[in-house]
Amino acid sequence: MVLRVGFPQQFDRMIEDFMTSEPSHWNANTPSVDIMEDEKQYTILAELPGVKKEDSKISVENNLLTLSAEKKLYEIPQDAKILLNEVRTRKFERSIRLPEDADSSKISAELKNGILSITVMKKEVVRPKTVEIK
């Protein structure tokens, strides 16, 4: 006779959670982002499906960039018979710590086709100056 002690169930659950879960930083209210850098700027791309630009906001405080947005419901006609209703209102929020060389006074953003592109310019590097002696 074989007696199961709960280990197989926990193990099965752990495998199922691992195979079906998203990355730990992600949840339904956190937009996925890509962050890129070149010599002049940082670019942040955030997925905001169904969000209009007037329903989104970007703020920066103490080098912490916070993106918040809301996907609002569309208008359902009065005479419509709803057969399935899975589309929901969603609020998104994501905060990203900017590097020390990011210039928080030089940020621009554009929302196009559900992708928010945020550009953060880098601070100009103060180069050593040579002074001519006369």
C-alpha atoms as a PDB file:
ATOM      1  CA  MET A   1       0.000   0.000   0.000  1.00  0.00           C
ATOM      2  CA  VAL A   2       1.309   3.445  -1.019  1.00  0.00           C
ATOM      3  CA  LEU A   3       0.381   6.395   1.146  1.00  0.00           C
ATOM      4  CA  ARG A   4       0.697   9.870  -0.345  1.00  0.00           C
ATOM      5  CA  VAL A   5       1.709  12.529   2.094  1.00  0.00           C
ATOM      6  CA  GLY A   6       0.931  15.719   0.187  1.00  0.00           C
ATOM      7  CA  PHE A   7       4.327  16.060  -1.484  1.00  0.00           C
ATOM      8  CA  PRO A   8       3.058  15.024  -4.936  1.00  0.00           C
ATOM      9  CA  GLN A   9       0.205  17.541  -4.764  1.00  0.00           C
ATOM     10  CA  GLN A  10       2.536  20.349  -3.729  1.00  0.00           C
ATOM     11  CA  PHE A  11       5.021  19.345  -6.395  1.00  0.00           C
ATOM     12  CA  ASP A  12       2.271  19.221  -9.065  1.00  0.00           C
ATOM     13  CA  ARG A  13       1.050  22.663  -7.989  1.00  0.00           C
ATOM     14  CA  MET A  14       4.582  24.064  -8.033  1.00  0.00           C
ATOM     15  CA  ILE A  15       5.185  22.762 -11.584  1.00  0.00           C
ATOM     16  CA  GLU A  16       1.814  24.079 -12.756  1.00  0.00           C
ATOM     17  CA  ASP A  17       2.499  27.507 -11.213  1.00  0.00           C
ATOM     18  CA  PHE A  18       5.950  27.599 -12.803  1.00  0.00           C
ATOM     19  CA  MET A  19       4.658  26.636 -16.250  1.00  0.00           C
ATOM     20  CA  THR A  20       1.708  29.040 -16.274  1.00  0.00           C
ATOM     21  CA  SER A  21       2.879  32.069 -14.315  1.00  0.00           C
ATOM     22  CA  GLU A  22       4.233  35.291 -15.705  1.00  0.00           C
ATOM     23  CA  PRO A  23       7.430  36.955 -14.474  1.00  0.00           C
ATOM     24  CA  SER A  24       7.149  37.948 -10.826  1.00  0.00           C
ATOM     25  CA  HIS A  25       7.150  41.715 -11.530  1.00  0.00           C
ATOM     26  CA  TRP A  26       4.140  41.359 -13.829  1.00  0.00           C
ATOM     27  CA  ASN A  27       0.498  41.424 -12.928  1.00  0.00           C
ATOM     28  CA  ALA A  28      -2.655  42.501 -14.735  1.00  0.00           C
ATOM     29  CA  ASN A  29      -2.193  46.117 -13.644  1.00  0.00           C
ATOM     30  CA  THR A  30       1.478  46.468 -14.507  1.00  0.00           C
ATOM     31  CA  PRO A  31       2.316  47.237 -18.127  1.00  0.00           C
ATOM     32  CA  SER A  32       5.166  45.312 -19.712  1.00  0.00           C
ATOM     33  CA  VAL A  33       8.103  47.548 -20.576  1.00  0.00           C
ATOM     34  CA  ASP A  34      11.299  47.460 -22.602  1.00  0.00           C
ATOM     35  CA  ILE A  35      14.104  49.856 -21.674  1.00  0.00           C
ATOM     36  CA  MET A  36      16.879  50.804 -24.076  1.00  0.00           C
ATOM     37  CA  GLU A  37      19.864  53.129 -23.891  1.00  0.00           C
ATOM     38  CA  ASP A  38      22.133  54.843 -26.359  1.00  0.00           C
ATOM     39  CA  GLU A  39      24.765  57.537 -25.846  1.00  0.00           C
ATOM     40  CA  LYS A  40      22.232  60.404 -25.738  1.00  0.00           C
ATOM     41  CA  GLN A  41      19.051  58.995 -24.193  1.00  0.00           C
ATOM     42  CA  TYR A  42      17.033  56.267 -22.532  1.00  0.00           C
ATOM     43  CA  THR A  43      13.919  54.945 -24.252  1.00  0.00           C
ATOM     44  CA  ILE A  44      11.130  53.196 -22.364  1.00  0.00           C
ATOM     45  CA  LEU A  45       8.451  51.344 -24.330  1.00  0.00           C
ATOM     46  CA  ALA A  46       5.319  50.348 -22.394  1.00  0.00           C
ATOM     47  CA  GLU A  47       2.409  48.252 -23.625  1.00  0.00           C
ATOM     48  CA  LEU A  48      -0.889  50.039 -22.966  1.00  0.00           C
ATOM     49  CA  PRO A  49      -3.507  48.254 -25.089  1.00  0.00           C
ATOM     50  CA  GLY A  50      -6.748  50.174 -25.470  1.00  0.00           C
ATOM     51  CA  VAL A  51      -5.506  53.259 -23.582  1.00  0.00           C
ATOM     52  CA  LYS A  52      -5.983  56.774 -24.964  1.00  0.00           C
ATOM     53  CA  LYS A  53      -3.342  59.446 -24.387  1.00  0.00           C
ATOM     54  CA  GLU A  54      -5.776  61.594 -22.367  1.00  0.00           C
ATOM     55  CA  ASP A  55      -6.211  58.662 -19.959  1.00  0.00           C
ATOM     56  CA  SER A  56      -2.490  58.284 -19.254  1.00  0.00           C
ATOM     57  CA  LYS A  57      -0.048  60.244 -17.105  1.00  0.00           C
ATOM     58  CA  ILE A  58       3.712  60.326 -16.565  1.00  0.00           C
ATOM     59  CA  SER A  59       5.252  61.913 -13.489  1.00  0.00           C
ATOM     60  CA  VAL A  60       8.807  62.159 -12.175  1.00  0.00           C
ATOM     61  CA  GLU A  61       9.763  62.758  -8.575  1.00  0.00           C
ATOM     62  CA  ASN A  62      13.187  62.146  -7.034  1.00  0.00           C
ATOM     63  CA  ASN A  63      14.355  60.318 -10.182  1.00  0.00           C
ATOM     64  CA  LEU A  64      11.399  57.921 -10.008  1.00  0.00           C
ATOM     65  CA  LEU A  65       9.374  57.918 -13.224  1.00  0.00           C
ATOM     66  CA  THR A  66       5.791  56.737 -12.676  1.00  0.00           C
ATOM     67  CA  LEU A  67       3.497  55.817 -15.525  1.00  0.00           C
ATOM     68  CA  SER A  68      -0.210  55.503 -14.783  1.00  0.00           C
ATOM     69  CA  ALA A  69      -3.047  54.901 -17.228  1.00  0.00           C
ATOM     70  CA  GLU A  70      -6.606  53.686 -17.409  1.00  0.00           C
ATOM     71  CA  LYS A  71      -8.326  51.668 -20.097  1.00  0.00           C
ATOM     72  CA  LYS A  72     -11.949  52.735 -20.039  1.00  0.00           C
ATOM     73  CA  LEU A  73     -14.940  50.758 -21.234  1.00  0.00           C
ATOM     74  CA  TYR A  74     -16.357  51.335 -24.646  1.00  0.00           C
ATOM     75  CA  GLU A  75     -19.999  52.321 -24.987  1.00  0.00           C
ATOM     76  CA  ILE A  76     -22.414  49.396 -25.384  1.00  0.00           C
ATOM     77  CA  PRO A  77     -25.493  50.230 -27.471  1.00  0.00           C
ATOM     78  CA  GLN A  78     -28.811  50.198 -25.574  1.00  0.00           C
ATOM     79  CA  ASP A  79     -30.394  47.576 -27.835  1.00  0.00           C
ATOM     80  CA  ALA A  80     -27.383  45.201 -27.816  1.00  0.00           C
ATOM     81  CA  LYS A  81     -27.763  41.718 -26.384  1.00  0.00           C
ATOM     82  CA  ILE A  82     -24.501  40.846 -24.646  1.00  0.00           C
ATOM     83  CA  LEU A  83     -23.436  37.260 -25.351  1.00  0.00           C
ATOM     84  CA  LEU A  84     -19.971  37.429 -23.830  1.00  0.00           C
ATOM     85  CA  ASN A  85     -18.363  40.292 -21.907  1.00  0.00           C
ATOM     86  CA  GLU A  86     -14.669  39.831 -21.085  1.00  0.00           C
ATOM     87  CA  VAL A  87     -13.331  43.306 -21.883  1.00  0.00           C
ATOM     88  CA  ARG A  88     -12.803  45.156 -18.629  1.00  0.00           C
ATOM     89  CA  THR A  89     -11.713  48.519 -17.346  1.00  0.00           C
ATOM     90  CA  ARG A  90      -8.108  48.342 -16.233  1.00  0.00           C
ATOM     91  CA  LYS A  91      -5.791  50.679 -14.409  1.00  0.00           C
ATOM     92  CA  PHE A  92      -2.085  50.395 -15.120  1.00  0.00           C
ATOM     93  CA  GLU A  93       0.815  51.670 -13.056  1.00  0.00           C
ATOM     94  CA  ARG A  94       4.547  51.157 -13.244  1.00  0.00           C
ATOM     95  CA  SER A  95       7.419  53.001 -11.573  1.00  0.00           C
ATOM     96  CA  ILE A  96      10.966  52.964 -12.883  1.00  0.00           C
ATOM     97  CA  ARG A  97      13.997  54.353 -11.064  1.00  0.00           C
ATOM     98  CA  LEU A  98      15.918  56.569 -13.506  1.00  0.00           C
ATOM     99  CA  PRO A  99      19.722  56.428 -13.569  1.00  0.00           C
ATOM    100  CA  GLU A 100      21.704  59.331 -12.112  1.00  0.00           C
ATOM    101  CA  ASP A 101      22.640  60.612 -15.575  1.00  0.00           C
ATOM    102  CA  ALA A 102      18.989  60.904 -16.689  1.00  0.00           C
ATOM    103  CA  ASP A 103      17.769  64.484 -17.160  1.00  0.00           C
ATOM    104  CA  SER A 104      14.261  64.480 -15.689  1.00  0.00           C
ATOM    105  CA  SER A 105      13.611  67.931 -17.168  1.00  0.00           C
ATOM    106  CA  LYS A 106      13.998  66.555 -20.704  1.00  0.00           C
ATOM    107  CA  ILE A 107      11.354  63.858 -21.083  1.00  0.00           C
ATOM    108  CA  SER A 108       9.012  63.384 -24.023  1.00  0.00           C
ATOM    109  CA  ALA A 109       6.366  60.749 -24.709  1.00  0.00           C
ATOM    110  CA  GLU A 110       4.217  59.481 -27.563  1.00  0.00           C
ATOM    111  CA  LEU A 111       1.380  56.939 -27.532  1.00  0.00           C
ATOM    112  CA  LYS A 112       0.793  55.104 -30.789  1.00  0.00           C
ATOM    113  CA  ASN A 113      -0.984  51.798 -31.466  1.00  0.00           C
ATOM    114  CA  GLY A 114      -1.052  50.839 -27.783  1.00  0.00           C
ATOM    115  CA  ILE A 115       2.689  51.421 -27.268  1.00  0.00           C
ATOM    116  CA  LEU A 116       3.808  54.343 -25.123  1.00  0.00           C
ATOM    117  CA  SER A 117       7.311  55.519 -26.033  1.00  0.00           C
ATOM    118  CA  ILE A 118       9.011  57.620 -23.366  1.00  0.00           C
ATOM    119  CA  THR A 119      12.310  59.313 -24.174  1.00  0.00           C
ATOM    120  CA  VAL A 120      14.506  60.517 -21.315  1.00  0.00           C
ATOM    121  CA  MET A 121      17.547  62.509 -22.394  1.00  0.00           C
ATOM    122  CA  LYS A 122      20.844  62.036 -20.596  1.00  0.00           C
ATOM    123  CA  LYS A 123      22.503  64.942 -18.807  1.00  0.00           C
ATOM    124  CA  GLU A 124      25.268  66.565 -20.761  1.00  0.00           C
ATOM    125  CA  VAL A 125      28.612  65.390 -19.520  1.00  0.00           C
ATOM    126  CA  VAL A 126      30.741  68.188 -18.190  1.00  0.00           C
ATOM    127  CA  ARG A 127      34.026  67.767 -19.974  1.00  0.00           C
ATOM    128  CA  PRO A 128      37.284  68.985 -18.513  1.00  0.00           C
ATOM    129  CA  LYS A 129      38.144  72.445 -19.720  1.00  0.00           C
ATOM    130  CA  THR A 130      41.619  73.566 -20.569  1.00  0.00           C
ATOM    131  CA  VAL A 131      42.426  77.149 -19.656  1.00  0.00           C
ATOM    132  CA  GLU A 132      45.085  78.945 -21.634  1.00  0.00           C
ATOM    133  CA  ILE A 133      47.642  80.777 -19.511  1.00  0.00           C
ATOM    134  CA  LYS A 134      48.621  84.245 -20.791  1.00  0.00           C
END
